[in-house]
């Protein structure tokens, strides 16, 4: 497991080598907050060990959304700080509570051919559902230090949550922003995503450190560029659907690779048809 890097005062980022997914630790005077808890019990145990090198404070957990790589470590970390609470958007909590078994089986089957170790780790997790939910926004006081949790709209999923640390000028974007790989559209809402990122940009200034769900921290220019690509894609989808264009023909004009674009256009057409 990689070590944490301090990206602002008492704000630490760990990039897990598996899937290059980010976990962030924010230390306050009374508690520490872990944003995203990785994929398996083994990863979470290693994450906890690294956390305890920095702080012995009780932990509160936040999941930016309901995908396994951001929340399947919940149980391990919550057991270390019972009563600390696990926060997420209400749609993310509902997905894990009502469809958790189905999602777990799907992810196991998806990863088994290419990464059997990860697949077996996913299958072994006893999924811990968040017990504190956010509808639109909530402010967390961790001992004189505030964290702001916001749901800005649908994008990567229907339950994306961003976290801002105002005194450090850090914004944790989850998978609404991706670095090093194209955005993932499997559970997405491509027509809503640009507007959600536009709302995110209202909380970003040139000095803000933006932590994406995967990859290296980015700046406001990177976020604006990704917003532009998502906007271009959304208009291509709307125009293609209105013209009755084939999905592959629309995807060929998108600012993403073919496989990513086909998934995005398929989801966008489903949005326009009212199927999602």
Protein backbone atom coordinates (compact mmCIF):
# COMPACT_ATOMS: atom_id res chain seq x y z
CA UNK A 1 0.00 0.00 0.00
CA UNK A 2 1.30 3.45 -0.88
CA UNK A 3 1.80 6.07 1.81
CA UNK A 4 -0.25 9.20 2.32
CA UNK A 5 0.99 12.48 0.85
CA UNK A 6 0.05 15.73 2.60
CA UNK A 7 -1.60 17.91 -0.06
CA UNK A 8 -2.67 20.68 2.35
CA UNK A 9 -2.47 21.29 6.08
CA UNK A 10 -3.65 18.04 7.74
CA UNK A 11 -5.18 16.80 4.47
CA UNK A 12 -3.58 13.62 3.19
CA UNK A 13 -4.05 11.75 -0.09
CA UNK A 14 -3.37 8.07 -0.73
CA UNK A 15 -3.43 6.70 -4.28
CA UNK A 16 -4.10 2.99 -4.08
CA UNK A 17 -2.12 1.07 -6.75
CA UNK A 18 -5.17 -1.05 -7.53
CA UNK A 19 -7.33 1.00 -9.95
CA UNK A 20 -5.39 4.14 -8.96
CA UNK A 21 -8.30 5.03 -6.69
CA UNK A 22 -7.94 7.83 -4.15
CA UNK A 23 -8.61 7.82 -0.43
CA UNK A 24 -8.28 11.09 1.49
CA UNK A 25 -7.74 11.69 5.20
CA UNK A 26 -8.75 15.00 6.77
CA UNK A 27 -7.59 15.44 10.37
CA UNK A 28 -9.44 17.70 12.76
CA UNK A 29 -8.98 18.44 16.45
CA UNK A 30 -11.48 15.81 17.63
CA UNK A 31 -11.94 13.31 14.80
CA UNK A 32 -10.48 12.44 11.42
CA UNK A 33 -12.51 11.87 8.25
CA UNK A 34 -11.71 9.25 5.63
CA UNK A 35 -13.20 9.98 2.22
CA UNK A 36 -13.54 6.71 0.26
CA UNK A 37 -12.47 3.41 1.80
CA UNK A 38 -11.14 1.33 -1.15
CA UNK A 39 -12.25 -2.03 -2.53
CA UNK A 40 -11.62 -4.98 -0.20
CA UNK A 41 -11.04 -5.89 3.43
CA UNK A 42 -7.34 -6.42 2.73
CA UNK A 43 -6.99 -2.99 1.15
CA UNK A 44 -8.93 -1.38 3.99
CA UNK A 45 -6.73 -3.04 6.63
CA UNK A 46 -3.65 -1.65 4.90
CA UNK A 47 -5.34 1.74 4.61
CA UNK A 48 -6.14 1.69 8.34
CA UNK A 49 -2.54 0.87 9.17
CA UNK A 50 -1.35 3.87 7.14
CA UNK A 51 -3.99 6.11 8.74
CA UNK A 52 -2.84 5.12 12.23
CA UNK A 53 0.69 6.25 11.43
CA UNK A 54 -0.75 9.77 11.10
CA UNK A 55 -3.52 9.93 13.69
CA UNK A 56 -5.11 7.91 16.49
CA UNK A 57 -8.30 10.00 16.43
CA UNK A 58 -11.70 8.33 15.96
CA UNK A 59 -12.74 8.06 12.33
CA UNK A 60 -15.78 9.23 10.39
CA UNK A 61 -16.21 7.78 6.90
CA UNK A 62 -17.58 9.40 3.74
CA UNK A 63 -18.36 7.57 0.48
CA UNK A 64 -18.41 9.76 -2.62
CA UNK A 65 -20.66 7.20 -4.33
CA UNK A 66 -21.74 3.56 -4.19
CA UNK A 67 -19.13 1.86 -6.40
CA UNK A 68 -17.10 -0.86 -4.71
CA UNK A 69 -13.72 0.87 -5.01
CA UNK A 70 -15.00 3.79 -2.95
CA UNK A 71 -16.98 2.04 -0.22
CA UNK A 72 -16.19 -1.67 0.23
CA UNK A 73 -13.64 -0.88 2.96
CA UNK A 74 -16.39 0.64 5.11
CA UNK A 75 -16.72 -2.31 7.48
CA UNK A 76 -13.04 -2.56 8.39
CA UNK A 77 -12.65 1.15 9.09
CA UNK A 78 -16.00 1.48 10.86
CA UNK A 79 -15.13 -1.40 13.18
CA UNK A 80 -12.03 0.54 14.24
CA UNK A 81 -14.20 3.51 15.29
CA UNK A 82 -17.64 2.17 16.23
CA UNK A 83 -20.26 4.91 16.29
CA UNK A 84 -18.22 7.17 14.04
CA UNK A 85 -20.75 7.02 11.22
CA UNK A 86 -20.59 6.43 7.48
CA UNK A 87 -21.85 9.29 5.33
CA UNK A 88 -23.07 9.17 1.72
CA UNK A 89 -25.73 10.63 -0.51
CA UNK A 90 -29.11 9.04 0.10
CA UNK A 91 -29.21 7.46 -3.38
CA UNK A 92 -25.83 5.80 -2.79
CA UNK A 93 -26.98 4.40 0.53
CA UNK A 94 -30.20 3.14 -1.04
CA UNK A 95 -28.30 1.41 -3.84
CA UNK A 96 -26.06 -0.43 -1.39
CA UNK A 97 -28.96 -1.34 0.89
CA UNK A 98 -31.47 -2.46 -1.75
CA UNK A 99 -29.22 -3.75 -4.56
CA UNK A 100 -26.03 -4.53 -2.69
CA UNK A 101 -26.07 -8.30 -3.23
CA UNK A 102 -26.78 -7.93 -6.94
CA UNK A 103 -24.07 -5.31 -7.41
CA UNK A 104 -21.55 -7.43 -5.54
CA UNK A 105 -22.20 -10.43 -7.78
CA UNK A 106 -21.99 -8.27 -10.92
CA UNK A 107 -18.67 -6.77 -9.89
CA UNK A 108 -17.29 -10.20 -8.99
CA UNK A 109 -18.19 -11.55 -12.43
CA UNK A 110 -16.82 -8.43 -14.15
CA UNK A 111 -13.39 -8.63 -12.52
CA UNK A 112 -12.92 -12.40 -12.27
CA UNK A 113 -11.47 -12.85 -15.82
CA UNK A 114 -8.89 -10.08 -15.54
CA UNK A 115 -8.12 -9.77 -11.80
CA UNK A 116 -9.21 -12.87 -9.87
CA UNK A 117 -7.54 -11.66 -6.66
CA UNK A 118 -9.61 -8.47 -6.70
CA UNK A 119 -12.75 -10.43 -7.64
CA UNK A 120 -12.34 -12.83 -4.72
CA UNK A 121 -11.71 -9.91 -2.39
CA UNK A 122 -14.92 -8.23 -3.56
CA UNK A 123 -16.92 -11.43 -3.03
CA UNK A 124 -15.63 -11.75 0.54
CA UNK A 125 -16.68 -8.26 1.68
CA UNK A 126 -19.59 -7.89 4.10
CA UNK A 127 -20.87 -4.64 2.63
CA UNK A 128 -21.47 -1.96 5.26
CA UNK A 129 -24.22 0.45 4.21
CA UNK A 130 -23.82 4.15 5.10
CA UNK A 131 -25.93 5.12 8.11
CA UNK A 132 -25.79 8.91 7.72
CA UNK A 133 -27.21 10.33 4.51
CA UNK A 134 -27.10 13.66 2.70
CA UNK A 135 -29.96 14.90 0.54
CA UNK A 136 -28.44 18.11 -0.86
CA UNK A 137 -25.83 19.37 1.60
CA UNK A 138 -24.52 19.00 5.12
CA UNK A 139 -21.75 20.61 7.17
CA UNK A 140 -19.53 18.52 9.43
CA UNK A 141 -17.60 20.06 12.34
CA UNK A 142 -14.60 17.87 13.24
CA UNK A 143 -13.31 20.06 16.04
CA UNK A 144 -13.09 23.62 14.80
CA UNK A 145 -12.61 22.46 11.23
CA UNK A 146 -15.52 22.30 8.81
CA UNK A 147 -16.16 19.89 5.97
CA UNK A 148 -18.97 20.59 3.51
CA UNK A 149 -20.74 17.66 1.85
CA UNK A 150 -22.83 18.41 -1.24
CA UNK A 151 -24.86 16.57 -3.85
CA UNK A 152 -24.85 18.79 -6.94
CA UNK A 153 -26.86 16.54 -9.25
CA UNK A 154 -26.55 13.34 -11.22
CA UNK A 155 -23.38 12.61 -13.15
CA UNK A 156 -21.13 9.59 -12.75
CA UNK A 157 -24.01 8.06 -10.73
CA UNK A 158 -27.25 9.33 -9.23
CA UNK A 159 -25.61 9.58 -5.80
CA UNK A 160 -22.38 11.54 -6.28
CA UNK A 161 -21.16 13.51 -3.28
CA UNK A 162 -18.41 16.13 -3.23
CA UNK A 163 -16.53 17.18 -0.10
CA UNK A 164 -14.90 20.56 0.36
CA UNK A 165 -12.36 21.49 3.04
CA UNK A 166 -12.66 25.30 2.99
CA UNK A 167 -9.75 26.12 5.30
CA UNK A 168 -7.40 24.06 3.09
CA UNK A 169 -8.90 25.02 -0.30
CA UNK A 170 -9.31 21.35 -1.21
CA UNK A 171 -12.25 19.80 -3.05
CA UNK A 172 -12.78 16.04 -3.23
CA UNK A 173 -14.75 15.35 -6.39
CA UNK A 174 -15.12 11.58 -6.43
CA UNK A 175 -15.60 10.17 -9.91
CA UNK A 176 -17.34 13.29 -11.18
CA UNK A 177 -13.77 14.16 -12.20
CA UNK A 178 -11.26 11.61 -13.50
CA UNK A 179 -7.54 11.97 -14.17
CA UNK A 180 -5.41 9.53 -16.13
CA UNK A 181 -8.37 7.73 -17.70
CA UNK A 182 -11.65 8.79 -19.32
CA UNK A 183 -14.74 9.21 -17.16
CA UNK A 184 -16.66 6.02 -16.49
CA UNK A 185 -20.20 6.03 -17.89
CA UNK A 186 -21.54 2.62 -16.84
CA UNK A 187 -24.01 4.02 -14.27
CA UNK A 188 -23.91 7.58 -15.53
CA UNK A 189 -26.32 10.29 -16.60
CA UNK A 190 -24.41 11.90 -19.50
CA UNK A 191 -26.98 14.62 -20.12
CA UNK A 192 -26.92 15.76 -16.49
CA UNK A 193 -23.20 15.37 -15.89
CA UNK A 194 -22.06 18.67 -17.50
CA UNK A 195 -24.47 20.71 -15.39
CA UNK A 196 -23.30 18.93 -12.24
CA UNK A 197 -19.66 19.70 -13.04
CA UNK A 198 -20.64 23.31 -13.80
CA UNK A 199 -22.08 23.47 -10.27
CA UNK A 200 -18.88 21.95 -8.94
CA UNK A 201 -16.89 24.70 -10.64
CA UNK A 202 -18.69 27.28 -8.49
CA UNK A 203 -16.72 25.85 -5.55
CA UNK A 204 -13.36 25.92 -7.38
CA UNK A 205 -10.97 28.84 -7.69
CA UNK A 206 -7.54 28.81 -9.38
CA UNK A 207 -5.76 27.82 -6.14
CA UNK A 208 -8.12 24.95 -5.31
CA UNK A 209 -6.65 21.45 -5.20
CA UNK A 210 -9.23 19.11 -6.77
CA UNK A 211 -8.86 15.45 -5.88
CA UNK A 212 -10.49 13.25 -8.52
CA UNK A 213 -11.82 9.79 -7.80
CA UNK A 214 -8.82 8.28 -9.56
CA UNK A 215 -5.45 9.70 -10.50
CA UNK A 216 -3.40 12.73 -9.51
CA UNK A 217 -4.84 15.94 -8.04
CA UNK A 218 -5.84 18.50 -10.66
CA UNK A 219 -6.60 22.19 -10.92
CA UNK A 220 -9.47 24.35 -12.10
CA UNK A 221 -8.25 24.35 -15.71
CA UNK A 222 -8.41 20.55 -15.82
CA UNK A 223 -11.94 20.57 -14.42
CA UNK A 224 -13.07 23.13 -17.01
CA UNK A 225 -11.55 21.06 -19.80
CA UNK A 226 -13.37 17.95 -18.61
CA UNK A 227 -16.58 19.98 -18.36
CA UNK A 228 -16.11 21.07 -21.98
CA UNK A 229 -15.69 17.45 -23.13
CA UNK A 230 -18.76 16.33 -21.19
CA UNK A 231 -20.78 19.22 -22.66
CA UNK A 232 -19.69 18.34 -26.20
CA UNK A 233 -20.72 14.74 -25.60
CA UNK A 234 -24.11 15.71 -24.20
CA UNK A 235 -24.96 17.84 -27.25
CA UNK A 236 -23.82 15.09 -29.62
CA UNK A 237 -26.16 12.69 -27.83
CA UNK A 238 -29.12 15.07 -28.01
CA UNK A 239 -28.57 15.84 -31.68
CA UNK A 240 -27.94 12.21 -32.59
CA UNK A 241 -31.07 11.04 -30.80
CA UNK A 242 -33.17 13.73 -32.49
CA UNK A 243 -31.78 12.69 -35.88
CA UNK A 244 -32.25 8.98 -35.24
CA UNK A 245 -28.51 8.40 -35.60
CA UNK A 246 -26.93 5.06 -34.73
CA UNK A 247 -25.12 4.94 -31.39
CA UNK A 248 -21.78 4.04 -32.98
CA UNK A 249 -22.00 6.95 -35.42
CA UNK A 250 -22.53 9.41 -32.58
CA UNK A 251 -19.81 7.79 -30.47
CA UNK A 252 -17.31 8.18 -33.32
CA UNK A 253 -17.59 11.97 -32.98
CA UNK A 254 -17.27 12.04 -29.18
CA UNK A 255 -14.16 13.37 -27.37
CA UNK A 256 -13.53 10.00 -25.73
CA UNK A 257 -12.27 6.61 -26.89
CA UNK A 258 -14.68 4.34 -28.75
CA UNK A 259 -15.61 1.96 -25.92
CA UNK A 260 -16.15 4.80 -23.45
CA UNK A 261 -18.17 6.82 -25.96
CA UNK A 262 -20.44 3.93 -26.95
CA UNK A 263 -21.32 3.35 -23.28
CA UNK A 264 -21.94 7.07 -22.81
CA UNK A 265 -24.17 7.43 -25.87
CA UNK A 266 -26.12 4.30 -24.92
CA UNK A 267 -26.79 5.74 -21.47
CA UNK A 268 -27.67 9.15 -22.95
CA UNK A 269 -30.16 7.61 -25.37
CA UNK A 270 -31.69 5.75 -22.42
CA UNK A 271 -32.02 9.05 -20.54
CA UNK A 272 -33.82 10.65 -23.48
CA UNK A 273 -36.12 7.64 -23.80
CA UNK A 274 -36.97 7.81 -20.09
CA UNK A 275 -35.53 4.36 -19.37
CA UNK A 276 -33.20 5.63 -16.66
